[in-house]
């Protein structure tokens, strides 16, 4: 059956993603809200994936992507690097926690559910 091709995590514009899916270049579209115009752009890529019936994978930043991924029909997975997660937990209160191989948003928290730990971030200030 072959191996699925995933790409796009550094895409910036909806046109970039559209060209990839129209060309049939990917089996799984990847996107990153920190690159593709924030959550709105990420959701637009999700709508494109819905229109072309292909899954969407979020590129890292699990605490940023867990909420919008829950809103998308074609959501497949969130790329999860332990080091990135370690940094999220170091710098943000309410960072997403994986349990039994799944991420779920904390619905008791507002917005993205995270709050900057200013004291922890202070040492990284330029």
Protein backbone atom coordinates (compact mmCIF):
# COMPACT_ATOMS: atom_id res chain seq x y z
CA UNK A 1 0.00 0.00 0.00
CA UNK A 2 2.98 2.31 0.41
CA UNK A 3 3.77 5.02 2.89
CA UNK A 4 1.71 8.20 3.29
CA UNK A 5 3.45 11.47 2.37
CA UNK A 6 3.02 14.40 4.77
CA UNK A 7 4.37 17.90 4.13
CA UNK A 8 3.62 21.58 4.58
CA UNK A 9 4.59 22.41 8.15
CA UNK A 10 6.47 25.52 7.05
CA UNK A 11 3.80 26.80 4.66
CA UNK A 12 2.72 30.43 5.08
CA UNK A 13 -0.17 31.01 2.68
CA UNK A 14 -3.39 29.22 1.84
CA UNK A 15 -2.30 29.30 -1.82
CA UNK A 16 0.80 27.26 -0.91
CA UNK A 17 -1.35 24.56 0.70
CA UNK A 18 -3.92 24.64 -2.11
CA UNK A 19 -1.23 24.05 -4.74
CA UNK A 20 0.04 21.03 -2.82
CA UNK A 21 -3.34 19.37 -2.42
CA UNK A 22 -4.47 20.18 -5.98
CA UNK A 23 -1.28 18.56 -7.30
CA UNK A 24 -1.94 15.47 -5.18
CA UNK A 25 1.53 15.97 -3.68
CA UNK A 26 0.53 15.00 -0.12
CA UNK A 27 -1.54 12.30 1.52
CA UNK A 28 -1.50 14.19 4.82
CA UNK A 29 -1.34 17.98 4.91
CA UNK A 30 0.76 19.44 7.71
CA UNK A 31 0.33 22.99 8.99
CA UNK A 32 1.59 25.12 11.85
CA UNK A 33 -0.42 28.04 13.23
CA UNK A 34 2.84 29.83 14.05
CA UNK A 35 3.63 29.93 10.32
CA UNK A 36 0.30 30.07 8.45
CA UNK A 37 -1.40 33.24 9.74
CA UNK A 38 -2.30 32.01 13.21
CA UNK A 39 -5.32 30.00 14.23
CA UNK A 40 -7.50 31.54 11.51
CA UNK A 41 -5.04 30.49 8.81
CA UNK A 42 -4.72 27.06 10.40
CA UNK A 43 -8.51 26.62 10.35
CA UNK A 44 -8.53 27.71 6.68
CA UNK A 45 -6.01 24.96 5.91
CA UNK A 46 -8.34 22.60 7.80
CA UNK A 47 -11.25 23.67 5.57
CA UNK A 48 -9.07 23.05 2.50
CA UNK A 49 -8.31 19.55 3.80
CA UNK A 50 -12.03 18.97 4.30
CA UNK A 51 -12.73 20.06 0.71
CA UNK A 52 -10.05 17.71 -0.67
CA UNK A 53 -10.85 14.91 1.79
CA UNK A 54 -7.32 14.60 3.17
CA UNK A 55 -6.24 14.56 6.82
CA UNK A 56 -4.47 17.43 8.58
CA UNK A 57 -1.56 17.01 10.98
CA UNK A 58 -0.51 19.88 13.27
CA UNK A 59 3.21 20.63 13.37
CA UNK A 60 4.42 20.70 17.00
CA UNK A 61 3.26 23.30 19.59
CA UNK A 62 0.64 20.94 21.04
CA UNK A 63 -0.77 23.51 23.49
CA UNK A 64 -1.40 25.90 20.60
CA UNK A 65 -2.92 23.32 18.25
CA UNK A 66 -5.05 21.15 20.55
CA UNK A 67 -8.09 23.49 20.48
CA UNK A 68 -8.24 24.17 16.72
CA UNK A 69 -7.57 20.50 15.95
CA UNK A 70 -10.66 19.60 17.99
CA UNK A 71 -12.69 21.89 15.71
CA UNK A 72 -11.64 20.19 12.46
CA UNK A 73 -13.25 17.13 10.86
CA UNK A 74 -10.09 16.01 9.06
CA UNK A 75 -7.76 16.40 12.08
CA UNK A 76 -5.39 13.46 12.25
CA UNK A 77 -2.65 14.12 14.79
CA UNK A 78 -0.41 16.67 16.47
CA UNK A 79 3.33 16.25 16.08
CA UNK A 80 4.58 15.87 19.65
CA UNK A 81 8.24 16.38 20.56
CA UNK A 82 9.14 15.84 24.19
CA UNK A 83 11.57 18.78 24.17
CA UNK A 84 8.93 21.19 22.84
CA UNK A 85 6.46 19.97 25.44
CA UNK A 86 9.07 20.41 28.16
CA UNK A 87 9.50 24.04 27.09
CA UNK A 88 5.72 24.60 27.00
CA UNK A 89 5.37 23.31 30.55
CA UNK A 90 8.34 25.39 31.70
CA UNK A 91 6.90 28.63 30.27
CA UNK A 92 3.11 28.20 30.35
CA UNK A 93 0.60 27.40 33.05
CA UNK A 94 -2.05 25.03 31.68
CA UNK A 95 0.09 23.50 28.90
CA UNK A 96 -1.52 20.44 27.29
CA UNK A 97 -0.73 17.10 28.91
CA UNK A 98 -0.73 13.82 26.98
CA UNK A 99 -2.68 11.02 28.64
CA UNK A 100 -2.96 7.54 27.13
CA UNK A 101 -1.59 8.84 23.84
CA UNK A 102 -4.14 11.65 23.53
CA UNK A 103 -4.25 15.39 24.06
CA UNK A 104 -7.44 17.03 25.22
CA UNK A 105 -8.03 20.72 25.85
CA UNK A 106 -8.70 21.78 29.43
CA UNK A 107 -12.20 23.20 29.01
CA UNK A 108 -12.09 24.84 32.44
CA UNK A 109 -9.55 27.37 31.12
CA UNK A 110 -10.38 30.27 28.78
CA UNK A 111 -8.92 30.92 25.33
CA UNK A 112 -6.06 28.59 24.46
CA UNK A 113 -5.99 27.51 28.09
CA UNK A 114 -2.42 28.66 28.68
CA UNK A 115 -0.93 31.58 30.58
CA UNK A 116 2.66 32.77 30.38
CA UNK A 117 4.72 32.12 33.51
CA UNK A 118 6.35 35.54 33.49
CA UNK A 119 8.90 34.73 36.18
CA UNK A 120 10.06 31.62 34.30
CA UNK A 121 10.26 33.55 31.01
CA UNK A 122 12.22 36.44 32.53
CA UNK A 123 15.56 34.65 32.23
CA UNK A 124 15.11 34.41 28.44
CA UNK A 125 14.45 38.13 27.96
CA UNK A 126 16.89 39.88 25.63
